[in-house]
Amino acid sequence: MFFLLHGCTTRNIDELMPVQQEVPVDLVTFQDVRFVFDNICQQCHSNPPQNGAPMPLVTYTNVKQAVENRGLLDRISRPEGAQGLMPLGGPRLPQATIDLILQWNNDGLLEN
């Protein structure tokens, strides 16, 4: 009996617990969100802009400036039916798409 107890006490907790590795997290880049701007926003936010849109959302620089200086995140995040919601006159973007764009912003608005 002493041998069994003694055998259990010689191992430290690090030997018994598996080492947890950090899970790599992929950062969201413009390439991950570009489909939204190419397929939805550019119906009005083309170059030149159409239907009264104030600026193009064609290039990385266009979109980054709109996020940083023109309230793009606020406009896409407004509730369905709210004044100023983008896309104008269309249904609100799916929440998963909005979340992806918000994550892109949180990750630093990376281009690639």
PDB file of N, CA and C in Angstrom:
ATOM      1  N   MET A   1       0.819  -1.196   0.000  1.00  0.00           N
ATOM      2  CA  MET A   1       0.000   0.000   0.000  1.00  0.00           C
ATOM      3  C   MET A   1       0.862   1.259   0.000  1.00  0.00           C
ATOM      4  N   PHE A   2       1.918   1.236   0.793  1.00  0.00           N
ATOM      5  CA  PHE A   2       2.818   2.380   0.835  1.00  0.00           C
ATOM      6  C   PHE A   2       3.414   2.657  -0.544  1.00  0.00           C
ATOM      7  N   PHE A   3       3.754   1.632  -1.275  1.00  0.00           N
ATOM      8  CA  PHE A   3       4.340   1.789  -2.608  1.00  0.00           C
ATOM      9  C   PHE A   3       3.381   2.498  -3.558  1.00  0.00           C
ATOM     10  N   LEU A   4       2.103   2.136  -3.501  1.00  0.00           N
ATOM     11  CA  LEU A   4       1.124   2.777  -4.379  1.00  0.00           C
ATOM     12  C   LEU A   4       0.970   4.257  -4.060  1.00  0.00           C
ATOM     13  N   LEU A   5       0.886   4.605  -2.796  1.00  0.00           N
ATOM     14  CA  LEU A   5       0.752   6.008  -2.423  1.00  0.00           C
ATOM     15  C   LEU A   5       2.021   6.777  -2.754  1.00  0.00           C
ATOM     16  N   HIS A   6       3.140   6.164  -2.474  1.00  0.00           N
ATOM     17  CA  HIS A   6       4.408   6.818  -2.758  1.00  0.00           C
ATOM     18  C   HIS A   6       4.574   7.037  -4.268  1.00  0.00           C
ATOM     19  N   GLY A   7       4.162   6.081  -5.064  1.00  0.00           N
ATOM     20  CA  GLY A   7       4.256   6.206  -6.511  1.00  0.00           C
ATOM     21  C   GLY A   7       3.409   7.345  -7.041  1.00  0.00           C
ATOM     22  N   CYS A   8       2.276   7.604  -6.431  1.00  0.00           N
ATOM     23  CA  CYS A   8       1.393   8.676  -6.886  1.00  0.00           C
ATOM     24  C   CYS A   8       1.932  10.042  -6.509  1.00  0.00           C
ATOM     25  N   THR A   9       2.671  10.135  -5.452  1.00  0.00           N
ATOM     26  CA  THR A   9       3.123  11.446  -4.985  1.00  0.00           C
ATOM     27  C   THR A   9       4.391  11.916  -5.667  1.00  0.00           C
ATOM     28  N   THR A  10       5.059  11.083  -6.437  1.00  0.00           N
ATOM     29  CA  THR A  10       6.301  11.520  -7.073  1.00  0.00           C
ATOM     30  C   THR A  10       6.056  12.274  -8.373  1.00  0.00           C
ATOM     31  N   ARG A  11       4.888  12.208  -8.936  1.00  0.00           N
ATOM     32  CA  ARG A  11       4.588  12.915 -10.185  1.00  0.00           C
ATOM     33  C   ARG A  11       4.031  14.294  -9.849  1.00  0.00           C
ATOM     34  N   ASN A  12       4.463  15.293 -10.549  1.00  0.00           N
ATOM     35  CA  ASN A  12       3.912  16.618 -10.287  1.00  0.00           C
ATOM     36  C   ASN A  12       2.719  16.878 -11.204  1.00  0.00           C
ATOM     37  N   ILE A  13       2.024  17.937 -10.937  1.00  0.00           N
ATOM     38  CA  ILE A  13       0.780  18.236 -11.652  1.00  0.00           C
ATOM     39  C   ILE A  13       1.030  18.472 -13.141  1.00  0.00           C
ATOM     40  N   ASP A  14       2.194  19.030 -13.495  1.00  0.00           N
ATOM     41  CA  ASP A  14       2.497  19.288 -14.904  1.00  0.00           C
ATOM     42  C   ASP A  14       2.586  18.006 -15.717  1.00  0.00           C
ATOM     43  N   GLU A  15       3.004  16.923 -15.083  1.00  0.00           N
ATOM     44  CA  GLU A  15       3.088  15.652 -15.785  1.00  0.00           C
ATOM     45  C   GLU A  15       1.711  15.042 -16.002  1.00  0.00           C
ATOM     46  N   LEU A  16       0.783  15.357 -15.120  1.00  0.00           N
ATOM     47  CA  LEU A  16      -0.557  14.778 -15.195  1.00  0.00           C
ATOM     48  C   LEU A  16      -1.486  15.563 -16.117  1.00  0.00           C
ATOM     49  N   MET A  17      -1.254  16.857 -16.239  1.00  0.00           N
ATOM     50  CA  MET A  17      -2.133  17.713 -17.036  1.00  0.00           C
ATOM     51  C   MET A  17      -1.528  17.909 -18.421  1.00  0.00           C
ATOM     52  N   PRO A  18      -2.314  17.764 -19.458  1.00  0.00           N
ATOM     53  CA  PRO A  18      -1.782  18.022 -20.797  1.00  0.00           C
ATOM     54  C   PRO A  18      -1.492  19.512 -20.964  1.00  0.00           C
ATOM     55  N   VAL A  19      -0.474  19.826 -21.696  1.00  0.00           N
ATOM     56  CA  VAL A  19      -0.133  21.215 -21.976  1.00  0.00           C
ATOM     57  C   VAL A  19      -1.096  21.725 -23.034  1.00  0.00           C
ATOM     58  N   GLN A  20      -1.741  22.851 -22.740  1.00  0.00           N
ATOM     59  CA  GLN A  20      -2.683  23.427 -23.698  1.00  0.00           C
ATOM     60  C   GLN A  20      -1.925  24.361 -24.626  1.00  0.00           C
ATOM     61  N   GLN A  21      -2.048  24.104 -25.886  1.00  0.00           N
ATOM     62  CA  GLN A  21      -1.424  24.947 -26.895  1.00  0.00           C
ATOM     63  C   GLN A  21      -2.400  26.057 -27.266  1.00  0.00           C
ATOM     64  N   GLU A  22      -1.859  27.235 -27.546  1.00  0.00           N
ATOM     65  CA  GLU A  22      -2.719  28.309 -28.023  1.00  0.00           C
ATOM     66  C   GLU A  22      -3.218  27.958 -29.416  1.00  0.00           C
ATOM     67  N   VAL A  23      -4.499  28.150 -29.613  1.00  0.00           N
ATOM     68  CA  VAL A  23      -5.093  27.890 -30.920  1.00  0.00           C
ATOM     69  C   VAL A  23      -4.826  29.102 -31.798  1.00  0.00           C
ATOM     70  N   PRO A  24      -4.201  28.905 -32.950  1.00  0.00           N
ATOM     71  CA  PRO A  24      -3.951  30.062 -33.811  1.00  0.00           C
ATOM     72  C   PRO A  24      -5.269  30.654 -34.297  1.00  0.00           C
ATOM     73  N   VAL A  25      -5.343  31.957 -34.286  1.00  0.00           N
ATOM     74  CA  VAL A  25      -6.545  32.664 -34.720  1.00  0.00           C
ATOM     75  C   VAL A  25      -6.218  33.380 -36.028  1.00  0.00           C
ATOM     76  N   ASP A  26      -7.001  33.106 -37.038  1.00  0.00           N
ATOM     77  CA  ASP A  26      -6.812  33.791 -38.312  1.00  0.00           C
ATOM     78  C   ASP A  26      -7.384  35.195 -38.210  1.00  0.00           C
ATOM     79  N   LEU A  27      -6.599  36.151 -38.609  1.00  0.00           N
ATOM     80  CA  LEU A  27      -7.069  37.526 -38.635  1.00  0.00           C
ATOM     81  C   LEU A  27      -7.903  37.733 -39.892  1.00  0.00           C
ATOM     82  N   VAL A  28      -8.926  38.559 -39.766  1.00  0.00           N
ATOM     83  CA  VAL A  28      -9.778  38.879 -40.912  1.00  0.00           C
ATOM     84  C   VAL A  28      -9.094  39.980 -41.716  1.00  0.00           C
ATOM     85  N   THR A  29      -9.015  39.786 -43.016  1.00  0.00           N
ATOM     86  CA  THR A  29      -8.409  40.783 -43.900  1.00  0.00           C
ATOM     87  C   THR A  29      -9.460  41.307 -44.880  1.00  0.00           C
ATOM     88  N   PHE A  30      -9.078  42.322 -45.626  1.00  0.00           N
ATOM     89  CA  PHE A  30      -9.980  42.883 -46.628  1.00  0.00           C
ATOM     90  C   PHE A  30     -10.425  41.823 -47.625  1.00  0.00           C
ATOM     91  N   GLN A  31      -9.542  40.899 -47.929  1.00  0.00           N
ATOM     92  CA  GLN A  31      -9.895  39.830 -48.874  1.00  0.00           C
ATOM     93  C   GLN A  31     -11.065  38.992 -48.355  1.00  0.00           C
ATOM     94  N   ASP A  32     -11.217  38.903 -47.030  1.00  0.00           N
ATOM     95  CA  ASP A  32     -12.310  38.125 -46.434  1.00  0.00           C
ATOM     96  C   ASP A  32     -13.649  38.854 -46.481  1.00  0.00           C
ATOM     97  N   VAL A  33     -13.629  40.176 -46.558  1.00  0.00           N
ATOM     98  CA  VAL A  33     -14.873  40.955 -46.546  1.00  0.00           C
ATOM     99  C   VAL A  33     -15.172  41.609 -47.895  1.00  0.00           C
ATOM    100  N   ARG A  34     -14.247  41.542 -48.790  1.00  0.00           N
ATOM    101  CA  ARG A  34     -14.382  42.218 -50.088  1.00  0.00           C
ATOM    102  C   ARG A  34     -15.660  41.820 -50.833  1.00  0.00           C
ATOM    103  N   PHE A  35     -16.082  40.567 -50.698  1.00  0.00           N
ATOM    104  CA  PHE A  35     -17.277  40.099 -51.413  1.00  0.00           C
ATOM    105  C   PHE A  35     -18.496  40.959 -51.115  1.00  0.00           C
ATOM    106  N   VAL A  36     -18.596  41.489 -49.905  1.00  0.00           N
ATOM    107  CA  VAL A  36     -19.745  42.327 -49.541  1.00  0.00           C
ATOM    108  C   VAL A  36     -19.731  43.605 -50.373  1.00  0.00           C
ATOM    109  N   PHE A  37     -18.585  44.231 -50.435  1.00  0.00           N
ATOM    110  CA  PHE A  37     -18.476  45.501 -51.151  1.00  0.00           C
ATOM    111  C   PHE A  37     -18.596  45.299 -52.657  1.00  0.00           C
ATOM    112  N   ASP A  38     -18.003  44.231 -53.158  1.00  0.00           N
ATOM    113  CA  ASP A  38     -18.070  43.949 -54.597  1.00  0.00           C
ATOM    114  C   ASP A  38     -19.482  43.591 -55.052  1.00  0.00           C
ATOM    115  N   ASN A  39     -20.212  42.832 -54.254  1.00  0.00           N
ATOM    116  CA  ASN A  39     -21.509  42.296 -54.686  1.00  0.00           C
ATOM    117  C   ASN A  39     -22.718  43.076 -54.205  1.00  0.00           C
ATOM    118  N   ILE A  40     -22.574  43.859 -53.166  1.00  0.00           N
ATOM    119  CA  ILE A  40     -23.730  44.571 -52.620  1.00  0.00           C
ATOM    120  C   ILE A  40     -23.524  46.081 -52.681  1.00  0.00           C
ATOM    121  N   CYS A  41     -22.469  46.558 -52.060  1.00  0.00           N
ATOM    122  CA  CYS A  41     -22.271  48.001 -51.907  1.00  0.00           C
ATOM    123  C   CYS A  41     -22.025  48.715 -53.229  1.00  0.00           C
ATOM    124  N   GLN A  42     -21.322  48.044 -54.139  1.00  0.00           N
ATOM    125  CA  GLN A  42     -20.959  48.712 -55.388  1.00  0.00           C
ATOM    126  C   GLN A  42     -22.127  48.894 -56.346  1.00  0.00           C
ATOM    127  N   GLN A  43     -23.299  48.422 -55.985  1.00  0.00           N
ATOM    128  CA  GLN A  43     -24.470  48.742 -56.802  1.00  0.00           C
ATOM    129  C   GLN A  43     -24.689  50.249 -56.818  1.00  0.00           C
ATOM    130  N   CYS A  44     -24.322  50.915 -55.725  1.00  0.00           N
ATOM    131  CA  CYS A  44     -24.378  52.381 -55.661  1.00  0.00           C
ATOM    132  C   CYS A  44     -22.988  52.996 -55.472  1.00  0.00           C
ATOM    133  N   HIS A  45     -22.163  52.349 -54.662  1.00  0.00           N
ATOM    134  CA  HIS A  45     -20.847  52.884 -54.302  1.00  0.00           C
ATOM    135  C   HIS A  45     -19.772  52.430 -55.284  1.00  0.00           C
ATOM    136  N   SER A  46     -20.078  52.606 -56.570  1.00  0.00           N
ATOM    137  CA  SER A  46     -19.120  52.278 -57.632  1.00  0.00           C
ATOM    138  C   SER A  46     -18.230  53.499 -57.858  1.00  0.00           C
ATOM    139  N   ASN A  47     -17.412  53.449 -58.889  1.00  0.00           N
ATOM    140  CA  ASN A  47     -16.582  54.593 -59.225  1.00  0.00           C
ATOM    141  C   ASN A  47     -16.821  54.948 -60.688  1.00  0.00           C
ATOM    142  N   PRO A  48     -17.573  56.003 -60.981  1.00  0.00           N
ATOM    143  CA  PRO A  48     -18.102  56.973 -60.034  1.00  0.00           C
ATOM    144  C   PRO A  48     -19.337  56.434 -59.306  1.00  0.00           C
ATOM    145  N   PRO A  49     -19.606  56.995 -58.123  1.00  0.00           N
ATOM    146  CA  PRO A  49     -20.775  56.553 -57.354  1.00  0.00           C
ATOM    147  C   PRO A  49     -22.082  56.812 -58.111  1.00  0.00           C
ATOM    148  N   GLN A  50     -23.075  55.970 -57.861  1.00  0.00           N
ATOM    149  CA  GLN A  50     -24.390  56.058 -58.503  1.00  0.00           C
ATOM    150  C   GLN A  50     -25.469  56.299 -57.442  1.00  0.00           C
ATOM    151  N   ASN A  51     -26.645  56.708 -57.884  1.00  0.00           N
ATOM    152  CA  ASN A  51     -27.834  56.819 -57.033  1.00  0.00           C
ATOM    153  C   ASN A  51     -27.609  57.664 -55.786  1.00  0.00           C
ATOM    154  N   GLY A  52     -26.776  58.681 -55.882  1.00  0.00           N
ATOM    155  CA  GLY A  52     -26.564  59.597 -54.764  1.00  0.00           C
ATOM    156  C   GLY A  52     -25.566  59.131 -53.715  1.00  0.00           C
ATOM    157  N   ALA A  53     -24.911  58.016 -53.937  1.00  0.00           N
ATOM    158  CA  ALA A  53     -23.900  57.554 -52.977  1.00  0.00           C
ATOM    159  C   ALA A  53     -22.780  58.592 -52.904  1.00  0.00           C
ATOM    160  N   PRO A  54     -22.299  58.908 -51.704  1.00  0.00           N
ATOM    161  CA  PRO A  54     -21.314  59.978 -51.568  1.00  0.00           C
ATOM    162  C   PRO A  54     -19.877  59.592 -51.906  1.00  0.00           C
ATOM    163  N   MET A  55     -19.574  58.293 -51.951  1.00  0.00           N
ATOM    164  CA  MET A  55     -18.199  57.885 -52.213  1.00  0.00           C
ATOM    165  C   MET A  55     -18.170  56.474 -52.770  1.00  0.00           C
ATOM    166  N   PRO A  56     -17.090  56.135 -53.482  1.00  0.00           N
ATOM    167  CA  PRO A  56     -16.953  54.756 -53.959  1.00  0.00           C
ATOM    168  C   PRO A  56     -16.473  53.839 -52.831  1.00  0.00           C
ATOM    169  N   LEU A  57     -16.834  52.584 -52.943  1.00  0.00           N
ATOM    170  CA  LEU A  57     -16.326  51.526 -52.055  1.00  0.00           C
ATOM    171  C   LEU A  57     -15.773  50.419 -52.944  1.00  0.00           C
ATOM    172  N   VAL A  58     -14.799  50.786 -53.749  1.00  0.00           N
ATOM    173  CA  VAL A  58     -14.259  49.888 -54.762  1.00  0.00           C
ATOM    174  C   VAL A  58     -12.921  49.300 -54.329  1.00  0.00           C
ATOM    175  N   THR A  59     -12.077  50.119 -53.743  1.00  0.00           N
ATOM    176  CA  THR A  59     -10.732  49.676 -53.381  1.00  0.00           C
ATOM    177  C   THR A  59     -10.607  49.506 -51.871  1.00  0.00           C
ATOM    178  N   TYR A  60      -9.535  48.846 -51.476  1.00  0.00           N
ATOM    179  CA  TYR A  60      -9.225  48.711 -50.051  1.00  0.00           C
ATOM    180  C   TYR A  60      -9.173  50.088 -49.391  1.00  0.00           C
ATOM    181  N   THR A  61      -8.492  51.030 -50.025  1.00  0.00           N
ATOM    182  CA  THR A  61      -8.355  52.374 -49.455  1.00  0.00           C
ATOM    183  C   THR A  61      -9.709  53.050 -49.310  1.00  0.00           C
ATOM    184  N   ASN A  62     -10.590  52.920 -50.318  1.00  0.00           N
ATOM    185  CA  ASN A  62     -11.945  53.498 -50.233  1.00  0.00           C
ATOM    186  C   ASN A  62     -12.682  52.970 -49.007  1.00  0.00           C
ATOM    187  N   VAL A  63     -12.667  51.661 -48.847  1.00  0.00           N
ATOM    188  CA  VAL A  63     -13.434  51.026 -47.766  1.00  0.00           C
ATOM    189  C   VAL A  63     -12.817  51.352 -46.414  1.00  0.00           C
ATOM    190  N   LYS A  64     -11.507  51.306 -46.320  1.00  0.00           N
ATOM    191  CA  LYS A  64     -10.824  51.631 -45.053  1.00  0.00           C
ATOM    192  C   LYS A  64     -11.161  53.054 -44.624  1.00  0.00           C
ATOM    193  N   GLN A  65     -11.117  54.004 -45.556  1.00  0.00           N
ATOM    194  CA  GLN A  65     -11.460  55.390 -45.234  1.00  0.00           C
ATOM    195  C   GLN A  65     -12.918  55.515 -44.800  1.00  0.00           C
ATOM    196  N   ALA A  66     -13.804  54.749 -45.424  1.00  0.00           N
ATOM    197  CA  ALA A  66     -15.217  54.788 -45.043  1.00  0.00           C
ATOM    198  C   ALA A  66     -15.423  54.246 -43.630  1.00  0.00           C
ATOM    199  N   VAL A  67     -14.665  53.226 -43.262  1.00  0.00           N
ATOM    200  CA  VAL A  67     -14.746  52.689 -41.894  1.00  0.00           C
ATOM    201  C   VAL A  67     -14.199  53.709 -40.903  1.00  0.00           C
ATOM    202  N   GLU A  68     -13.049  54.280 -41.217  1.00  0.00           N
ATOM    203  CA  GLU A  68     -12.370  55.174 -40.276  1.00  0.00           C
ATOM    204  C   GLU A  68     -12.999  56.559 -40.170  1.00  0.00           C
ATOM    205  N   ASN A  69     -13.560  57.069 -41.274  1.00  0.00           N
ATOM    206  CA  ASN A  69     -13.972  58.479 -41.300  1.00  0.00           C
ATOM    207  C   ASN A  69     -15.421  58.743 -41.690  1.00  0.00           C
ATOM    208  N   ARG A  70     -16.152  57.725 -42.155  1.00  0.00           N
ATOM    209  CA  ARG A  70     -17.476  58.005 -42.707  1.00  0.00           C
ATOM    210  C   ARG A  70     -18.592  57.192 -42.073  1.00  0.00           C
ATOM    211  N   GLY A  71     -18.316  56.517 -40.960  1.00  0.00           N
ATOM    212  CA  GLY A  71     -19.374  55.834 -40.225  1.00  0.00           C
ATOM    213  C   GLY A  71     -19.909  54.570 -40.863  1.00  0.00           C
ATOM    214  N   LEU A  72     -19.122  53.927 -41.704  1.00  0.00           N
ATOM    215  CA  LEU A  72     -19.600  52.723 -42.391  1.00  0.00           C
ATOM    216  C   LEU A  72     -20.078  51.656 -41.402  1.00  0.00           C
ATOM    217  N   LEU A  73     -19.333  51.431 -40.327  1.00  0.00           N
ATOM    218  CA  LEU A  73     -19.729  50.382 -39.374  1.00  0.00           C
ATOM    219  C   LEU A  73     -21.066  50.703 -38.719  1.00  0.00           C
ATOM    220  N   ASP A  74     -21.278  51.969 -38.401  1.00  0.00           N
ATOM    221  CA  ASP A  74     -22.563  52.380 -37.830  1.00  0.00           C
ATOM    222  C   ASP A  74     -23.695  52.154 -38.827  1.00  0.00           C
ATOM    223  N   ARG A  75     -23.470  52.511 -40.075  1.00  0.00           N
ATOM    224  CA  ARG A  75     -24.530  52.434 -41.079  1.00  0.00           C
ATOM    225  C   ARG A  75     -24.954  50.998 -41.366  1.00  0.00           C
ATOM    226  N   ILE A  76     -24.001  50.056 -41.373  1.00  0.00           N
ATOM    227  CA  ILE A  76     -24.375  48.661 -41.647  1.00  0.00           C
ATOM    228  C   ILE A  76     -24.907  47.955 -40.401  1.00  0.00           C
ATOM    229  N   SER A  77     -24.678  48.544 -39.218  1.00  0.00           N
ATOM    230  CA  SER A  77     -25.079  47.897 -37.965  1.00  0.00           C
ATOM    231  C   SER A  77     -26.436  48.361 -37.445  1.00  0.00           C
ATOM    232  N   ARG A  78     -27.031  49.337 -38.081  1.00  0.00           N
ATOM    233  CA  ARG A  78     -28.324  49.850 -37.607  1.00  0.00           C
ATOM    234  C   ARG A  78     -29.401  48.779 -37.734  1.00  0.00           C
ATOM    235  N   PRO A  79     -30.433  48.865 -36.891  1.00  0.00           N
ATOM    236  CA  PRO A  79     -31.510  47.866 -36.965  1.00  0.00           C
ATOM    237  C   PRO A  79     -32.298  47.970 -38.268  1.00  0.00           C
ATOM    238  N   GLU A  80     -32.904  46.868 -38.639  1.00  0.00           N
ATOM    239  CA  GLU A  80     -33.748  46.820 -39.839  1.00  0.00           C
ATOM    240  C   GLU A  80     -34.768  47.950 -39.793  1.00  0.00           C
ATOM    241  N   GLY A  81     -34.877  48.711 -40.882  1.00  0.00           N
ATOM    242  CA  GLY A  81     -35.848  49.794 -40.985  1.00  0.00           C
ATOM    243  C   GLY A  81     -35.361  51.127 -40.444  1.00  0.00           C
ATOM    244  N   ALA A  82     -34.193  51.171 -39.819  1.00  0.00           N
ATOM    245  CA  ALA A  82     -33.677  52.425 -39.260  1.00  0.00           C
ATOM    246  C   ALA A  82     -33.245  53.364 -40.379  1.00  0.00           C
ATOM    247  N   GLN A  83     -33.430  54.651 -40.135  1.00  0.00           N
ATOM    248  CA  GLN A  83     -32.996  55.651 -41.107  1.00  0.00           C
ATOM    249  C   GLN A  83     -31.481  55.567 -41.271  1.00  0.00           C
ATOM    250  N   GLY A  84     -31.025  55.613 -42.517  1.00  0.00           N
ATOM    251  CA  GLY A  84     -29.598  55.592 -42.798  1.00  0.00           C
ATOM    252  C   GLY A  84     -28.974  54.211 -42.858  1.00  0.00           C
ATOM    253  N   LEU A  85     -29.780  53.165 -42.667  1.00  0.00           N
ATOM    254  CA  LEU A  85     -29.257  51.798 -42.752  1.00  0.00           C
ATOM    255  C   LEU A  85     -28.730  51.539 -44.151  1.00  0.00           C
ATOM    256  N   MET A  86     -27.589  50.926 -44.223  1.00  0.00           N
ATOM    257  CA  MET A  86     -27.033  50.490 -45.503  1.00  0.00           C
ATOM    258  C   MET A  86     -27.007  48.976 -45.524  1.00  0.00           C
ATOM    259  N   PRO A  87     -27.313  48.388 -46.655  1.00  0.00           N
ATOM    260  CA  PRO A  87     -27.566  49.005 -47.948  1.00  0.00           C
ATOM    261  C   PRO A  87     -28.922  49.715 -47.991  1.00  0.00           C
ATOM    262  N   LEU A  88     -28.908  50.863 -48.625  1.00  0.00           N
ATOM    263  CA  LEU A  88     -30.086  51.715 -48.713  1.00  0.00           C
ATOM    264  C   LEU A  88     -31.225  50.996 -49.423  1.00  0.00           C
ATOM    265  N   GLY A  89     -32.369  50.935 -48.770  1.00  0.00           N
ATOM    266  CA  GLY A  89     -33.561  50.349 -49.364  1.00  0.00           C
ATOM    267  C   GLY A  89     -33.564  48.836 -49.439  1.00  0.00           C
ATOM    268  N   GLY A  90     -32.481  48.221 -49.048  1.00  0.00           N
ATOM    269  CA  GLY A  90     -32.412  46.759 -49.110  1.00  0.00           C
ATOM    270  C   GLY A  90     -32.524  46.160 -47.730  1.00  0.00           C
ATOM    271  N   PRO A  91     -32.577  44.872 -47.652  1.00  0.00           N
ATOM    272  CA  PRO A  91     -32.592  44.262 -46.324  1.00  0.00           C
ATOM    273  C   PRO A  91     -31.238  44.464 -45.646  1.00  0.00           C
ATOM    274  N   ARG A  92     -31.268  44.450 -44.343  1.00  0.00           N
ATOM    275  CA  ARG A  92     -30.041  44.544 -43.545  1.00  0.00           C
ATOM    276  C   ARG A  92     -29.142  43.363 -43.893  1.00  0.00           C
ATOM    277  N   LEU A  93     -27.837  43.596 -43.881  1.00  0.00           N
ATOM    278  CA  LEU A  93     -26.900  42.496 -44.110  1.00  0.00           C
ATOM    279  C   LEU A  93     -27.095  41.428 -43.035  1.00  0.00           C
ATOM    280  N   PRO A  94     -26.837  40.182 -43.340  1.00  0.00           N
ATOM    281  CA  PRO A  94     -26.911  39.143 -42.305  1.00  0.00           C
ATOM    282  C   PRO A  94     -25.956  39.485 -41.154  1.00  0.00           C
ATOM    283  N   GLN A  95     -26.368  39.179 -39.937  1.00  0.00           N
ATOM    284  CA  GLN A  95     -25.547  39.518 -38.778  1.00  0.00           C
ATOM    285  C   GLN A  95     -24.156  38.903 -38.870  1.00  0.00           C
ATOM    286  N   ALA A  96     -24.044  37.705 -39.415  1.00  0.00           N
ATOM    287  CA  ALA A  96     -22.725  37.071 -39.550  1.00  0.00           C
ATOM    288  C   ALA A  96     -21.814  37.891 -40.465  1.00  0.00           C
ATOM    289  N   THR A  97     -22.378  38.506 -41.486  1.00  0.00           N
ATOM    290  CA  THR A  97     -21.594  39.349 -42.394  1.00  0.00           C
ATOM    291  C   THR A  97     -21.169  40.628 -41.686  1.00  0.00           C
ATOM    292  N   ILE A  98     -22.089  41.229 -40.948  1.00  0.00           N
ATOM    293  CA  ILE A  98     -21.758  42.428 -40.167  1.00  0.00           C
ATOM    294  C   ILE A  98     -20.662  42.095 -39.161  1.00  0.00           C
ATOM    295  N   ASP A  99     -20.802  40.972 -38.481  1.00  0.00           N
ATOM    296  CA  ASP A  99     -19.800  40.558 -37.492  1.00  0.00           C
ATOM    297  C   ASP A  99     -18.429  40.367 -38.130  1.00  0.00           C
ATOM    298  N   LEU A 100     -18.393  39.841 -39.339  1.00  0.00           N
ATOM    299  CA  LEU A 100     -17.127  39.649 -40.038  1.00  0.00           C
ATOM    300  C   LEU A 100     -16.469  40.997 -40.344  1.00  0.00           C
ATOM    301  N   ILE A 101     -17.255  41.961 -40.773  1.00  0.00           N
ATOM    302  CA  ILE A 101     -16.719  43.294 -41.062  1.00  0.00           C
ATOM    303  C   ILE A 101     -16.258  43.967 -39.768  1.00  0.00           C
ATOM    304  N   LEU A 102     -17.021  43.817 -38.698  1.00  0.00           N
ATOM    305  CA  LEU A 102     -16.609  44.364 -37.402  1.00  0.00           C
ATOM    306  C   LEU A 102     -15.307  43.723 -36.929  1.00  0.00           C
ATOM    307  N   GLN A 103     -15.171  42.417 -37.146  1.00  0.00           N
ATOM    308  CA  GLN A 103     -13.940  41.729 -36.755  1.00  0.00           C
ATOM    309  C   GLN A 103     -12.762  42.220 -37.587  1.00  0.00           C
ATOM    310  N   TRP A 104     -12.991  42.470 -38.858  1.00  0.00           N
ATOM    311  CA  TRP A 104     -11.944  43.036 -39.714  1.00  0.00           C
ATOM    312  C   TRP A 104     -11.458  44.356 -39.111  1.00  0.00           C
ATOM    313  N   ASN A 105     -12.383  45.195 -38.682  1.00  0.00           N
ATOM    314  CA  ASN A 105     -12.018  46.455 -38.040  1.00  0.00           C
ATOM    315  C   ASN A 105     -11.231  46.193 -36.754  1.00  0.00           C
ATOM    316  N   ASN A 106     -11.726  45.287 -35.921  1.00  0.00           N
ATOM    317  CA  ASN A 106     -11.052  44.975 -34.657  1.00  0.00           C
ATOM    318  C   ASN A 106      -9.654  44.408 -34.879  1.00  0.00           C
ATOM    319  N   ASP A 107      -9.465  43.696 -35.979  1.00  0.00           N
ATOM    320  CA  ASP A 107      -8.163  43.100 -36.292  1.00  0.00           C
ATOM    321  C   ASP A 107      -7.195  44.101 -36.921  1.00  0.00           C
ATOM    322  N   GLY A 108      -7.654  45.331 -37.147  1.00  0.00           N
ATOM    323  CA  GLY A 108      -6.746  46.364 -37.634  1.00  0.00           C
ATOM    324  C   GLY A 108      -6.894  46.755 -39.088  1.00  0.00           C
ATOM    325  N   LEU A 109      -8.012  46.374 -39.716  1.00  0.00           N
ATOM    326  CA  LEU A 109      -8.278  46.739 -41.114  1.00  0.00           C
ATOM    327  C   LEU A 109      -7.142  46.305 -42.038  1.00  0.00           C
ATOM    328  N   LEU A 110      -6.736  45.059 -41.878  1.00  0.00           N
ATOM    329  CA  LEU A 110      -5.631  44.517 -42.674  1.00  0.00           C
ATOM    330  C   LEU A 110      -6.036  44.361 -44.133  1.00  0.00           C
ATOM    331  N   GLU A 111      -5.102  44.649 -45.025  1.00  0.00           N
ATOM    332  CA  GLU A 111      -5.399  44.528 -46.457  1.00  0.00           C
ATOM    333  C   GLU A 111      -5.310  43.080 -46.920  1.00  0.00           C
ATOM    334  N   ASN A 112      -4.247  42.394 -46.573  1.00  0.00           N
ATOM    335  CA  ASN A 112      -4.056  40.993 -46.988  1.00  0.00           C
ATOM    336  C   ASN A 112      -3.783  40.139 -45.778  1.00  0.00           C
TER     337      ASN A 112
END
